[in-house]
Amino acid sequence: MKLLAIETATEACSAALTLNGELSLRYQVKPRGHSELILGMLDELLAEAGMSLGQLDAMAFGRGPGSFTGVRIATGVVQGVAFAADLPVVPVSTLAALAQRAYRELGESRLLPAYDARMQELYWAAYQVNSSGLVELMDREAVVAVEKVPVPSGSEWYGIGSGWMSHGDQLLDYLGRDKLKGIEPAMLCSAQDIAILGENGFRQGRAVAPEQALPVYLRDNVATKKAC
């Protein structure tokens, strides 16, 4: 499969190209300037592979939640590029992609990704890794007050993302420190994991037309269990 993925919802701007199992990545942590960076990354990846957009099977993008501006950038870019090349698009949850990265890099399989949503709220979800090595959403994704996050059953959970940086002590006290195996608050979402989940989403029939590739902010939307 040939898929191009983009992710701009956090401080990291990244793009990834998968070609029949081989992946190339461009990744840069830069709080601003994603709109300038992302198109250059896409051009570099395609030029390096000697490919045109028309040779791709699909695109994938981080549909949120995350920075309002960042999610809008990813949505606008993928809609424009995919429409011009007549490509289907796979929307991928940025919480799921963050959890997938934690599994890929740390080997953790019970994951609590959290982004700081401001106003003393978090973008929050719980994921577990299935037998195929892909994260699966438990219950739902939500935007929720720090003191009201859903408490997952069991223990050995691993916290990741900016929500744990801004509200880590409060979360540990609220959830119970015995539930947490550890935390990695500095971890950011990557297009590599958007690509991994995007390929699976394409195989599962979750690709949409470019004009249907819409952002998810969670303040006015709730993701269903198939979100990843």
C-alpha atoms as a PDB file:
ATOM      1  CA  MET A   1       0.000   0.000   0.000  1.00  0.00           C
ATOM      2  CA  LYS A   2       1.126   3.568  -0.710  1.00  0.00           C
ATOM      3  CA  LEU A   3      -0.127   6.122   1.807  1.00  0.00           C
ATOM      4  CA  LEU A   4       0.875   9.681   2.722  1.00  0.00           C
ATOM      5  CA  ALA A   5       0.126  10.833   6.286  1.00  0.00           C
ATOM      6  CA  ILE A   6       0.262  14.246   7.937  1.00  0.00           C
ATOM      7  CA  GLU A   7       0.021  15.412  11.544  1.00  0.00           C
ATOM      8  CA  THR A   8       0.045  19.006  12.844  1.00  0.00           C
ATOM      9  CA  ALA A   9      -2.204  18.900  15.937  1.00  0.00           C
ATOM     10  CA  THR A  10       0.556  19.413  18.518  1.00  0.00           C
ATOM     11  CA  GLU A  11       3.936  21.169  18.713  1.00  0.00           C
ATOM     12  CA  ALA A  12       5.344  18.540  16.342  1.00  0.00           C
ATOM     13  CA  CYS A  13       4.786  18.884  12.611  1.00  0.00           C
ATOM     14  CA  SER A  14       5.315  15.672  10.676  1.00  0.00           C
ATOM     15  CA  ALA A  15       4.633  13.767   7.484  1.00  0.00           C
ATOM     16  CA  ALA A  16       5.143  10.095   6.653  1.00  0.00           C
ATOM     17  CA  LEU A  17       5.101   8.057   3.470  1.00  0.00           C
ATOM     18  CA  THR A  18       4.534   4.302   3.502  1.00  0.00           C
ATOM     19  CA  LEU A  19       5.436   2.231   0.454  1.00  0.00           C
ATOM     20  CA  ASN A  20       4.486  -1.419   0.809  1.00  0.00           C
ATOM     21  CA  GLY A  21       5.665  -1.640   4.398  1.00  0.00           C
ATOM     22  CA  GLU A  22       8.606   0.776   4.172  1.00  0.00           C
ATOM     23  CA  LEU A  23       8.153   4.117   5.935  1.00  0.00           C
ATOM     24  CA  SER A  24       9.902   7.472   5.508  1.00  0.00           C
ATOM     25  CA  LEU A  25       9.332  10.274   8.003  1.00  0.00           C
ATOM     26  CA  ARG A  26       9.799  14.013   8.315  1.00  0.00           C
ATOM     27  CA  TYR A  27       9.355  15.258  11.894  1.00  0.00           C
ATOM     28  CA  GLN A  28      10.111  18.643  13.440  1.00  0.00           C
ATOM     29  CA  VAL A  29       9.128  20.078  16.802  1.00  0.00           C
ATOM     30  CA  LYS A  30       8.219  23.700  16.181  1.00  0.00           C
ATOM     31  CA  PRO A  31       5.311  25.289  18.073  1.00  0.00           C
ATOM     32  CA  ARG A  32       4.438  27.582  15.156  1.00  0.00           C
ATOM     33  CA  GLY A  33       4.893  27.512  11.413  1.00  0.00           C
ATOM     34  CA  HIS A  34       3.249  24.163  10.662  1.00  0.00           C
ATOM     35  CA  SER A  35       1.476  25.563   7.609  1.00  0.00           C
ATOM     36  CA  GLU A  36       4.834  26.462   6.053  1.00  0.00           C
ATOM     37  CA  LEU A  37       6.556  23.225   7.055  1.00  0.00           C
ATOM     38  CA  ILE A  38       4.019  20.569   6.111  1.00  0.00           C
ATOM     39  CA  LEU A  39       3.813  21.148   2.350  1.00  0.00           C
ATOM     40  CA  GLY A  40       7.590  21.097   2.058  1.00  0.00           C
ATOM     41  CA  MET A  41       7.687  17.817   3.972  1.00  0.00           C
ATOM     42  CA  LEU A  42       5.179  16.260   1.591  1.00  0.00           C
ATOM     43  CA  ASP A  43       7.156  17.422  -1.442  1.00  0.00           C
ATOM     44  CA  GLU A  44      10.404  16.047   0.015  1.00  0.00           C
ATOM     45  CA  LEU A  45       8.947  12.625   0.756  1.00  0.00           C
ATOM     46  CA  LEU A  46       7.427  12.236  -2.695  1.00  0.00           C
ATOM     47  CA  ALA A  47      10.563  13.483  -4.463  1.00  0.00           C
ATOM     48  CA  GLU A  48      12.758  11.152  -2.423  1.00  0.00           C
ATOM     49  CA  ALA A  49      10.562   8.206  -3.426  1.00  0.00           C
ATOM     50  CA  GLY A  50      10.323   9.337  -7.056  1.00  0.00           C
ATOM     51  CA  MET A  51       6.543   9.367  -6.835  1.00  0.00           C
ATOM     52  CA  SER A  52       3.648  11.635  -7.715  1.00  0.00           C
ATOM     53  CA  LEU A  53       0.481  12.105  -5.700  1.00  0.00           C
ATOM     54  CA  GLY A  54      -1.482  10.203  -8.323  1.00  0.00           C
ATOM     55  CA  GLN A  55       0.461   7.031  -7.525  1.00  0.00           C
ATOM     56  CA  LEU A  56      -0.779   6.951  -3.931  1.00  0.00           C
ATOM     57  CA  ASP A  57      -3.620   4.763  -2.712  1.00  0.00           C
ATOM     58  CA  ALA A  58      -4.759   7.162  -0.006  1.00  0.00           C
ATOM     59  CA  MET A  59      -3.868   9.881   2.472  1.00  0.00           C
ATOM     60  CA  ALA A  60      -4.333   9.979   6.259  1.00  0.00           C
ATOM     61  CA  PHE A  61      -4.334  12.861   8.693  1.00  0.00           C
ATOM     62  CA  GLY A  62      -4.542  13.602  12.402  1.00  0.00           C
ATOM     63  CA  ARG A  63      -8.159  14.758  12.732  1.00  0.00           C
ATOM     64  CA  GLY A  64      -7.811  15.908  16.344  1.00  0.00           C
ATOM     65  CA  PRO A  65      -8.256  16.564  19.114  1.00  0.00           C
ATOM     66  CA  GLY A  66      -5.424  19.003  19.642  1.00  0.00           C
ATOM     67  CA  SER A  67      -4.535  22.589  18.853  1.00  0.00           C
ATOM     68  CA  PHE A  68      -7.470  24.234  17.064  1.00  0.00           C
ATOM     69  CA  THR A  69      -5.150  25.882  14.547  1.00  0.00           C
ATOM     70  CA  GLY A  70      -3.052  22.747  14.088  1.00  0.00           C
ATOM     71  CA  VAL A  71      -6.043  20.512  13.451  1.00  0.00           C
ATOM     72  CA  ARG A  72      -7.401  23.030  10.950  1.00  0.00           C
ATOM     73  CA  ILE A  73      -4.066  23.077   9.114  1.00  0.00           C
ATOM     74  CA  ALA A  74      -4.003  19.291   8.757  1.00  0.00           C
ATOM     75  CA  THR A  75      -7.624  19.234   7.636  1.00  0.00           C
ATOM     76  CA  GLY A  76      -7.170  21.985   5.060  1.00  0.00           C
ATOM     77  CA  VAL A  77      -3.991  20.503   3.626  1.00  0.00           C
ATOM     78  CA  VAL A  78      -5.321  16.968   3.319  1.00  0.00           C
ATOM     79  CA  GLN A  79      -8.593  18.138   1.790  1.00  0.00           C
ATOM     80  CA  GLY A  80      -6.825  20.259  -0.805  1.00  0.00           C
ATOM     81  CA  VAL A  81      -4.107  17.769  -1.741  1.00  0.00           C
ATOM     82  CA  ALA A  82      -6.390  14.721  -1.770  1.00  0.00           C
ATOM     83  CA  PHE A  83      -9.078  16.505  -3.786  1.00  0.00           C
ATOM     84  CA  ALA A  84      -6.551  17.603  -6.403  1.00  0.00           C
ATOM     85  CA  ALA A  85      -5.212  14.054  -6.739  1.00  0.00           C
ATOM     86  CA  ASP A  86      -8.610  12.318  -6.376  1.00  0.00           C
ATOM     87  CA  LEU A  87      -7.480  10.329  -3.333  1.00  0.00           C
ATOM     88  CA  PRO A  88      -9.515   8.898  -0.451  1.00  0.00           C
ATOM     89  CA  VAL A  89      -8.641  10.112   3.053  1.00  0.00           C
ATOM     90  CA  VAL A  90      -8.482   8.252   6.370  1.00  0.00           C
ATOM     91  CA  PRO A  91      -9.119  10.446   9.442  1.00  0.00           C
ATOM     92  CA  VAL A  92      -7.123   9.230  12.459  1.00  0.00           C
ATOM     93  CA  SER A  93      -7.575  10.210  16.100  1.00  0.00           C
ATOM     94  CA  THR A  94      -4.559  12.075  17.455  1.00  0.00           C
ATOM     95  CA  LEU A  95      -5.151  10.472  20.856  1.00  0.00           C
ATOM     96  CA  ALA A  96      -5.028   7.046  19.217  1.00  0.00           C
ATOM     97  CA  ALA A  97      -1.863   7.983  17.327  1.00  0.00           C
ATOM     98  CA  LEU A  98      -0.209   9.183  20.541  1.00  0.00           C
ATOM     99  CA  ALA A  99      -1.101   5.888  22.220  1.00  0.00           C
ATOM    100  CA  GLN A 100       0.232   3.973  19.194  1.00  0.00           C
ATOM    101  CA  ARG A 101       3.539   5.819  19.442  1.00  0.00           C
ATOM    102  CA  ALA A 102       3.843   4.940  23.127  1.00  0.00           C
ATOM    103  CA  TYR A 103       3.299   1.290  22.308  1.00  0.00           C
ATOM    104  CA  ARG A 104       5.740   1.432  19.383  1.00  0.00           C
ATOM    105  CA  GLU A 105       8.529   3.159  21.311  1.00  0.00           C
ATOM    106  CA  LEU A 106       7.967   2.058  24.922  1.00  0.00           C
ATOM    107  CA  GLY A 107       6.182  -1.268  24.535  1.00  0.00           C
ATOM    108  CA  GLU A 108       3.360  -0.173  26.844  1.00  0.00           C
ATOM    109  CA  SER A 109      -0.024  -1.724  26.090  1.00  0.00           C
ATOM    110  CA  ARG A 110      -2.425   0.036  28.518  1.00  0.00           C
ATOM    111  CA  LEU A 111      -2.350   3.695  27.623  1.00  0.00           C
ATOM    112  CA  LEU A 112      -3.922   6.930  28.836  1.00  0.00           C
ATOM    113  CA  PRO A 113      -3.190   9.672  26.289  1.00  0.00           C
ATOM    114  CA  ALA A 114      -4.142  13.174  27.427  1.00  0.00           C
ATOM    115  CA  TYR A 115      -3.761  16.566  25.775  1.00  0.00           C
ATOM    116  CA  ASP A 116      -4.156  19.809  27.691  1.00  0.00           C
ATOM    117  CA  ALA A 117      -7.449  21.310  26.481  1.00  0.00           C
ATOM    118  CA  ARG A 118      -7.058  24.450  28.638  1.00  0.00           C
ATOM    119  CA  MET A 119      -9.794  25.747  30.984  1.00  0.00           C
ATOM    120  CA  GLN A 120      -8.760  23.004  33.446  1.00  0.00           C
ATOM    121  CA  GLU A 121      -9.875  20.343  30.980  1.00  0.00           C
ATOM    122  CA  LEU A 122      -8.222  17.475  29.143  1.00  0.00           C
ATOM    123  CA  TYR A 123      -8.716  15.663  25.872  1.00  0.00           C
ATOM    124  CA  TRP A 124      -8.750  12.149  27.315  1.00  0.00           C
ATOM    125  CA  ALA A 125      -9.070   8.480  26.356  1.00  0.00           C
ATOM    126  CA  ALA A 126      -7.983   4.995  27.376  1.00  0.00           C
ATOM    127  CA  TYR A 127      -6.520   2.569  24.831  1.00  0.00           C
ATOM    128  CA  GLN A 128      -5.360  -1.025  24.921  1.00  0.00           C
ATOM    129  CA  VAL A 129      -3.223  -2.786  22.337  1.00  0.00           C
ATOM    130  CA  ASN A 130      -4.811  -5.698  20.506  1.00  0.00           C
ATOM    131  CA  SER A 131      -3.225  -8.891  19.190  1.00  0.00           C
ATOM    132  CA  SER A 132      -2.336  -7.132  15.922  1.00  0.00           C
ATOM    133  CA  GLY A 133      -0.261  -4.516  17.744  1.00  0.00           C
ATOM    134  CA  LEU A 134      -2.796  -1.729  17.188  1.00  0.00           C
ATOM    135  CA  VAL A 135      -4.441   0.429  19.831  1.00  0.00           C
ATOM    136  CA  GLU A 136      -8.158   0.024  20.477  1.00  0.00           C
ATOM    137  CA  LEU A 137     -10.321   2.627  22.190  1.00  0.00           C
ATOM    138  CA  MET A 138     -11.910   1.675  25.490  1.00  0.00           C
ATOM    139  CA  ASP A 139     -15.212   3.475  26.064  1.00  0.00           C
ATOM    140  CA  ARG A 140     -14.880   6.895  24.314  1.00  0.00           C
ATOM    141  CA  GLU A 141     -12.722   9.952  23.747  1.00  0.00           C
ATOM    142  CA  ALA A 142     -13.852  13.043  25.653  1.00  0.00           C
ATOM    143  CA  VAL A 143     -13.019  16.541  26.766  1.00  0.00           C
ATOM    144  CA  VAL A 144     -13.380  16.463  30.523  1.00  0.00           C
ATOM    145  CA  ALA A 145     -12.461  18.354  33.686  1.00  0.00           C
ATOM    146  CA  VAL A 146      -9.267  17.063  35.256  1.00  0.00           C
ATOM    147  CA  GLU A 147     -11.068  15.946  38.410  1.00  0.00           C
ATOM    148  CA  LYS A 148     -13.699  14.055  36.393  1.00  0.00           C
ATOM    149  CA  VAL A 149     -11.641  11.906  34.019  1.00  0.00           C
ATOM    150  CA  PRO A 150     -13.085   8.387  33.661  1.00  0.00           C
ATOM    151  CA  VAL A 151     -11.145   6.027  35.914  1.00  0.00           C
ATOM    152  CA  PRO A 152     -10.148   2.908  33.949  1.00  0.00           C
ATOM    153  CA  SER A 153     -10.368  -0.498  35.565  1.00  0.00           C
ATOM    154  CA  GLY A 154      -7.255  -2.429  36.443  1.00  0.00           C
ATOM    155  CA  SER A 155      -3.687  -1.202  36.839  1.00  0.00           C
ATOM    156  CA  GLU A 156      -0.426  -0.931  34.869  1.00  0.00           C
ATOM    157  CA  TRP A 157      -1.722   2.064  32.894  1.00  0.00           C
ATOM    158  CA  TYR A 158       0.766   4.418  31.291  1.00  0.00           C
ATOM    159  CA  GLY A 159       0.090   8.150  30.949  1.00  0.00           C
ATOM    160  CA  ILE A 160       1.318  10.092  27.924  1.00  0.00           C
ATOM    161  CA  GLY A 161       0.932  13.559  26.480  1.00  0.00           C
ATOM    162  CA  SER A 162       0.795  17.207  27.487  1.00  0.00           C
ATOM    163  CA  GLY A 163      -2.124  16.707  29.845  1.00  0.00           C
ATOM    164  CA  TRP A 164       0.193  14.770  32.109  1.00  0.00           C
ATOM    165  CA  MET A 165       2.704  17.611  32.008  1.00  0.00           C
ATOM    166  CA  SER A 166       0.225  20.288  33.054  1.00  0.00           C
ATOM    167  CA  HIS A 167      -1.916  18.206  35.436  1.00  0.00           C
ATOM    168  CA  GLY A 168       0.206  15.161  36.277  1.00  0.00           C
ATOM    169  CA  ASP A 169       0.123  15.390  40.078  1.00  0.00           C
ATOM    170  CA  GLN A 170      -3.611  16.050  40.107  1.00  0.00           C
ATOM    171  CA  LEU A 171      -4.251  13.105  37.783  1.00  0.00           C
ATOM    172  CA  LEU A 172      -2.063  10.767  39.812  1.00  0.00           C
ATOM    173  CA  ASP A 173      -3.872  11.712  43.013  1.00  0.00           C
ATOM    174  CA  TYR A 174      -7.314  11.427  41.411  1.00  0.00           C
ATOM    175  CA  LEU A 175      -6.768   8.150  39.560  1.00  0.00           C
ATOM    176  CA  GLY A 176      -4.727   6.537  42.311  1.00  0.00           C
ATOM    177  CA  ARG A 177      -0.986   6.182  41.979  1.00  0.00           C
ATOM    178  CA  ASP A 178      -1.248   2.405  42.194  1.00  0.00           C
ATOM    179  CA  LYS A 179      -3.006   2.386  38.800  1.00  0.00           C
ATOM    180  CA  LEU A 180      -0.121   4.034  36.970  1.00  0.00           C
ATOM    181  CA  LYS A 181       2.956   2.213  35.777  1.00  0.00           C
ATOM    182  CA  GLY A 182       4.555   5.454  34.624  1.00  0.00           C
ATOM    183  CA  ILE A 183       4.104   8.610  32.577  1.00  0.00           C
ATOM    184  CA  GLU A 184       5.780  10.241  29.563  1.00  0.00           C
ATOM    185  CA  PRO A 185       4.357  13.770  29.427  1.00  0.00           C
ATOM    186  CA  ALA A 186       6.735  15.061  26.732  1.00  0.00           C
ATOM    187  CA  MET A 187       5.691  12.558  24.055  1.00  0.00           C
ATOM    188  CA  LEU A 188       4.047  14.125  20.989  1.00  0.00           C
ATOM    189  CA  CYS A 189       1.953  12.707  18.172  1.00  0.00           C
ATOM    190  CA  SER A 190       3.772  11.615  15.000  1.00  0.00           C
ATOM    191  CA  ALA A 191       2.709  11.074  11.400  1.00  0.00           C
ATOM    192  CA  GLN A 192       4.413   7.676  11.598  1.00  0.00           C
ATOM    193  CA  ASP A 193       1.580   6.457  13.814  1.00  0.00           C
ATOM    194  CA  ILE A 194      -1.037   8.297  11.766  1.00  0.00           C
ATOM    195  CA  ALA A 195       0.280   6.207   8.859  1.00  0.00           C
ATOM    196  CA  ILE A 196       0.156   2.946  10.834  1.00  0.00           C
ATOM    197  CA  LEU A 197      -3.428   3.527  11.940  1.00  0.00           C
ATOM    198  CA  GLY A 198      -4.343   5.056   8.595  1.00  0.00           C
ATOM    199  CA  GLU A 199      -3.340   1.912   6.708  1.00  0.00           C
ATOM    200  CA  ASN A 200      -5.461  -0.168   9.069  1.00  0.00           C
ATOM    201  CA  GLY A 201      -8.356   2.248   8.715  1.00  0.00           C
ATOM    202  CA  PHE A 202      -8.125   2.031   4.924  1.00  0.00           C
ATOM    203  CA  ARG A 203      -8.236  -1.769   5.055  1.00  0.00           C
ATOM    204  CA  GLN A 204     -11.229  -1.551   7.403  1.00  0.00           C
ATOM    205  CA  GLY A 205     -13.120   0.653   4.952  1.00  0.00           C
ATOM    206  CA  ARG A 206     -12.909   3.883   6.958  1.00  0.00           C
ATOM    207  CA  ALA A 207     -11.586   6.084   4.133  1.00  0.00           C
ATOM    208  CA  VAL A 208     -13.769   9.007   3.097  1.00  0.00           C
ATOM    209  CA  ALA A 209     -13.920  11.480   0.232  1.00  0.00           C
ATOM    210  CA  PRO A 210     -11.706  14.581   0.761  1.00  0.00           C
ATOM    211  CA  GLU A 211     -14.668  16.859   1.487  1.00  0.00           C
ATOM    212  CA  GLN A 212     -15.735  14.479   4.267  1.00  0.00           C
ATOM    213  CA  ALA A 213     -12.313  14.570   5.962  1.00  0.00           C
ATOM    214  CA  LEU A 214     -13.395  16.705   8.906  1.00  0.00           C
ATOM    215  CA  PRO A 215     -11.700  17.784  12.141  1.00  0.00           C
ATOM    216  CA  VAL A 216     -12.768  16.580  15.582  1.00  0.00           C
ATOM    217  CA  TYR A 217     -12.461  18.991  18.497  1.00  0.00           C
ATOM    218  CA  LEU A 218     -14.446  16.998  21.119  1.00  0.00           C
ATOM    219  CA  ARG A 219     -15.878  20.127  22.744  1.00  0.00           C
ATOM    220  CA  ASP A 220     -18.843  19.678  20.414  1.00  0.00           C
ATOM    221  CA  ASN A 221     -18.172  16.113  19.224  1.00  0.00           C
ATOM    222  CA  VAL A 222     -17.796  12.758  20.956  1.00  0.00           C
ATOM    223  CA  ALA A 223     -15.771  10.057  19.198  1.00  0.00           C
ATOM    224  CA  THR A 224     -17.341   6.627  19.022  1.00  0.00           C
ATOM    225  CA  LYS A 225     -15.547   3.416  19.824  1.00  0.00           C
ATOM    226  CA  LYS A 226     -14.327   2.927  16.237  1.00  0.00           C
ATOM    227  CA  ALA A 227     -12.399   6.201  16.421  1.00  0.00           C
ATOM    228  CA  CYS A 228      -8.903   4.801  15.965  1.00  0.00           C
END
